[in-house]
């Protein structure tokens, strides 16, 4: 389902860029690429968990999570 939505949004973004609707096309392309990054992230995590060799590099978005580390506020 998410794969289908990703391709549809990317196709709409490309068609809007071709019709010179820059703002709408740019927004749709950024949403489409965001979904694509999340899909790739989920595939990498599933493969990592399947093989049981998980480390910190299993995720594409690990650099984002490192920026927002939880700290104990006790």
N, C-alpha and C. Protein backbone atom coordinates (compact mmCIF):
# COMPACT_ATOMS: atom_id res chain seq x y z
N UNK A 1 0.83 -1.19 0.00
CA UNK A 1 0.00 0.00 0.00
C UNK A 1 0.87 1.25 0.00
N UNK A 2 1.84 1.27 0.89
CA UNK A 2 2.71 2.44 0.98
C UNK A 2 3.56 2.59 -0.28
N UNK A 3 3.94 1.46 -0.87
CA UNK A 3 4.70 1.49 -2.11
C UNK A 3 3.88 2.10 -3.24
N UNK A 4 2.61 1.75 -3.30
CA UNK A 4 1.72 2.30 -4.33
C UNK A 4 1.54 3.80 -4.14
N UNK A 5 1.34 4.22 -2.90
CA UNK A 5 1.17 5.65 -2.61
C UNK A 5 2.45 6.41 -2.98
N UNK A 6 3.60 5.81 -2.70
CA UNK A 6 4.87 6.46 -3.03
C UNK A 6 4.99 6.69 -4.52
N UNK A 7 4.70 5.67 -5.32
CA UNK A 7 4.82 5.81 -6.77
C UNK A 7 3.80 6.80 -7.33
N UNK A 8 2.60 6.80 -6.78
CA UNK A 8 1.58 7.74 -7.26
C UNK A 8 1.98 9.18 -6.95
N UNK A 9 2.47 9.43 -5.73
CA UNK A 9 2.86 10.78 -5.36
C UNK A 9 4.07 11.23 -6.18
N UNK A 10 5.03 10.34 -6.41
CA UNK A 10 6.18 10.70 -7.23
C UNK A 10 5.76 11.01 -8.67
N UNK A 11 4.83 10.21 -9.21
CA UNK A 11 4.36 10.46 -10.57
C UNK A 11 3.60 11.78 -10.66
N UNK A 12 2.78 12.08 -9.66
CA UNK A 12 2.07 13.36 -9.65
C UNK A 12 3.04 14.53 -9.52
N UNK A 13 4.07 14.37 -8.72
CA UNK A 13 5.06 15.42 -8.56
C UNK A 13 5.81 15.68 -9.85
N UNK A 14 6.20 14.63 -10.55
CA UNK A 14 6.90 14.79 -11.82
C UNK A 14 6.00 15.43 -12.86
N UNK A 15 4.74 15.02 -12.91
CA UNK A 15 3.83 15.62 -13.89
C UNK A 15 3.56 17.09 -13.59
N UNK A 16 3.48 17.45 -12.31
CA UNK A 16 3.29 18.86 -11.97
C UNK A 16 4.52 19.69 -12.28
N UNK A 17 5.71 19.12 -12.09
CA UNK A 17 6.93 19.83 -12.46
C UNK A 17 6.96 20.06 -13.97
N UNK A 18 6.55 19.06 -14.74
CA UNK A 18 6.53 19.20 -16.20
C UNK A 18 5.52 20.25 -16.66
N UNK A 19 4.46 20.44 -15.89
CA UNK A 19 3.46 21.45 -16.24
C UNK A 19 3.76 22.80 -15.60
N UNK A 20 4.97 22.96 -15.04
CA UNK A 20 5.45 24.20 -14.45
C UNK A 20 4.67 24.62 -13.20
N UNK A 21 4.10 23.65 -12.49
CA UNK A 21 3.53 23.90 -11.16
C UNK A 21 4.62 23.57 -10.15
N UNK A 22 5.55 24.52 -9.98
CA UNK A 22 6.76 24.26 -9.21
C UNK A 22 6.48 23.98 -7.74
N UNK A 23 5.64 24.77 -7.12
CA UNK A 23 5.40 24.61 -5.69
C UNK A 23 4.71 23.28 -5.38
N UNK A 24 3.63 23.01 -6.08
CA UNK A 24 2.90 21.76 -5.84
C UNK A 24 3.75 20.55 -6.21
N UNK A 25 4.47 20.65 -7.31
CA UNK A 25 5.35 19.54 -7.71
C UNK A 25 6.46 19.31 -6.72
N UNK A 26 7.04 20.39 -6.20
CA UNK A 26 8.11 20.24 -5.21
C UNK A 26 7.62 19.62 -3.93
N UNK A 27 6.43 20.03 -3.49
CA UNK A 27 5.86 19.46 -2.27
C UNK A 27 5.57 17.98 -2.47
N UNK A 28 4.99 17.63 -3.60
CA UNK A 28 4.68 16.22 -3.85
C UNK A 28 5.94 15.38 -3.98
N UNK A 29 6.97 15.92 -4.63
CA UNK A 29 8.21 15.17 -4.75
C UNK A 29 8.88 14.98 -3.39
N UNK A 30 8.85 15.99 -2.55
CA UNK A 30 9.46 15.84 -1.23
C UNK A 30 8.70 14.82 -0.38
N UNK A 31 7.38 14.83 -0.47
CA UNK A 31 6.59 13.82 0.25
C UNK A 31 6.87 12.43 -0.31
N UNK A 32 6.94 12.31 -1.62
CA UNK A 32 7.23 11.02 -2.25
C UNK A 32 8.60 10.49 -1.86
N UNK A 33 9.62 11.36 -1.86
CA UNK A 33 10.95 10.91 -1.47
C UNK A 33 11.00 10.58 0.02
N UNK A 34 10.23 11.28 0.82
CA UNK A 34 10.14 10.95 2.24
C UNK A 34 9.57 9.55 2.45
N UNK A 35 8.50 9.23 1.74
CA UNK A 35 7.93 7.89 1.82
C UNK A 35 8.93 6.85 1.33
N UNK A 36 9.68 7.18 0.28
CA UNK A 36 10.67 6.24 -0.26
C UNK A 36 11.78 5.97 0.75
N UNK A 37 12.23 7.00 1.44
CA UNK A 37 13.26 6.81 2.48
C UNK A 37 12.72 5.94 3.61
N UNK A 38 11.47 6.17 4.00
CA UNK A 38 10.88 5.33 5.06
C UNK A 38 10.72 3.88 4.62
N UNK A 39 10.36 3.66 3.36
CA UNK A 39 10.25 2.29 2.85
C UNK A 39 11.60 1.58 2.87
N UNK A 40 12.64 2.25 2.39
CA UNK A 40 13.97 1.66 2.38
C UNK A 40 14.44 1.38 3.81
N UNK A 41 14.12 2.30 4.72
CA UNK A 41 14.48 2.12 6.12
C UNK A 41 13.80 0.88 6.70
N UNK A 42 12.52 0.69 6.40
CA UNK A 42 11.80 -0.48 6.91
C UNK A 42 12.34 -1.77 6.33
N UNK A 43 12.71 -1.77 5.06
CA UNK A 43 13.27 -2.97 4.42
C UNK A 43 14.60 -3.33 5.08
N UNK A 44 15.45 -2.32 5.31
CA UNK A 44 16.74 -2.59 5.93
C UNK A 44 16.58 -3.11 7.35
N UNK A 45 15.64 -2.55 8.12
CA UNK A 45 15.41 -3.02 9.49
C UNK A 45 14.87 -4.45 9.50
N UNK A 46 13.97 -4.77 8.57
CA UNK A 46 13.41 -6.13 8.52
C UNK A 46 14.49 -7.15 8.18
N UNK A 47 15.36 -6.81 7.23
CA UNK A 47 16.46 -7.72 6.89
C UNK A 47 17.42 -7.88 8.06
N UNK A 48 17.67 -6.80 8.75
CA UNK A 48 18.58 -6.84 9.89
C UNK A 48 18.01 -7.72 11.00
N UNK A 49 16.75 -7.58 11.29
CA UNK A 49 16.12 -8.39 12.34
C UNK A 49 16.00 -9.85 11.91
N UNK A 50 15.82 -10.08 10.62
CA UNK A 50 15.69 -11.45 10.12
C UNK A 50 17.00 -12.21 10.29
N UNK A 51 18.11 -11.55 10.03
CA UNK A 51 19.41 -12.21 10.13
C UNK A 51 19.99 -12.13 11.53
N UNK A 52 19.42 -11.31 12.39
CA UNK A 52 19.86 -11.23 13.78
C UNK A 52 21.19 -10.55 13.97
N UNK A 53 21.59 -9.75 13.02
CA UNK A 53 22.88 -9.06 13.11
C UNK A 53 22.66 -7.56 13.19
N UNK A 54 21.82 -7.14 14.11
CA UNK A 54 21.50 -5.73 14.23
C UNK A 54 22.60 -4.97 14.95
N UNK A 55 22.90 -3.81 14.40
CA UNK A 55 23.81 -2.87 15.05
C UNK A 55 23.25 -1.47 14.80
N UNK A 56 24.03 -0.47 15.09
CA UNK A 56 23.52 0.90 14.95
C UNK A 56 23.35 1.34 13.51
N UNK A 57 23.92 0.61 12.57
CA UNK A 57 23.86 1.02 11.17
C UNK A 57 22.74 0.34 10.39
N UNK A 58 21.77 -0.22 11.07
CA UNK A 58 20.67 -0.90 10.39
C UNK A 58 19.68 0.07 9.76
N UNK A 59 19.74 1.30 10.15
CA UNK A 59 18.71 2.22 9.73
C UNK A 59 19.29 3.39 8.95
N UNK A 60 18.57 3.82 7.93
CA UNK A 60 18.97 5.00 7.17
C UNK A 60 18.83 6.27 7.98
N UNK A 61 17.87 6.28 8.87
CA UNK A 61 17.59 7.48 9.64
C UNK A 61 18.23 7.46 11.02
N UNK A 62 19.27 6.64 11.19
CA UNK A 62 19.91 6.57 12.50
C UNK A 62 20.60 7.87 12.86
N UNK A 63 21.05 8.62 11.88
CA UNK A 63 21.71 9.90 12.16
C UNK A 63 20.72 10.90 12.73
N UNK A 64 19.43 10.78 12.38
CA UNK A 64 18.41 11.66 12.95
C UNK A 64 18.17 11.29 14.41
N UNK A 65 18.08 10.00 14.68
CA UNK A 65 17.81 9.57 16.05
C UNK A 65 18.99 9.86 16.97
N UNK A 66 20.20 9.91 16.43
CA UNK A 66 21.35 10.25 17.26
C UNK A 66 21.32 11.72 17.67
N UNK A 67 20.68 12.56 16.87
CA UNK A 67 20.57 13.97 17.19
C UNK A 67 19.61 14.23 18.35
N UNK A 68 18.62 13.35 18.52
CA UNK A 68 17.59 13.53 19.54
C UNK A 68 17.64 12.41 20.57
N UNK A 69 18.80 12.19 21.17
CA UNK A 69 18.94 11.15 22.18
C UNK A 69 18.16 11.52 23.43
N UNK A 70 17.56 10.52 24.04
CA UNK A 70 16.84 10.73 25.29
C UNK A 70 17.84 10.80 26.44
N UNK A 71 17.60 11.71 27.33
CA UNK A 71 18.45 11.83 28.51
C UNK A 71 17.58 11.68 29.74
N UNK A 72 18.17 11.12 30.78
CA UNK A 72 17.45 10.98 32.05
C UNK A 72 17.38 12.33 32.74
N UNK A 73 16.20 12.72 33.12
CA UNK A 73 16.00 13.99 33.83
C UNK A 73 15.58 13.71 35.27
N UNK A 74 16.44 12.99 35.97
CA UNK A 74 16.11 12.65 37.36
C UNK A 74 16.91 13.49 38.31
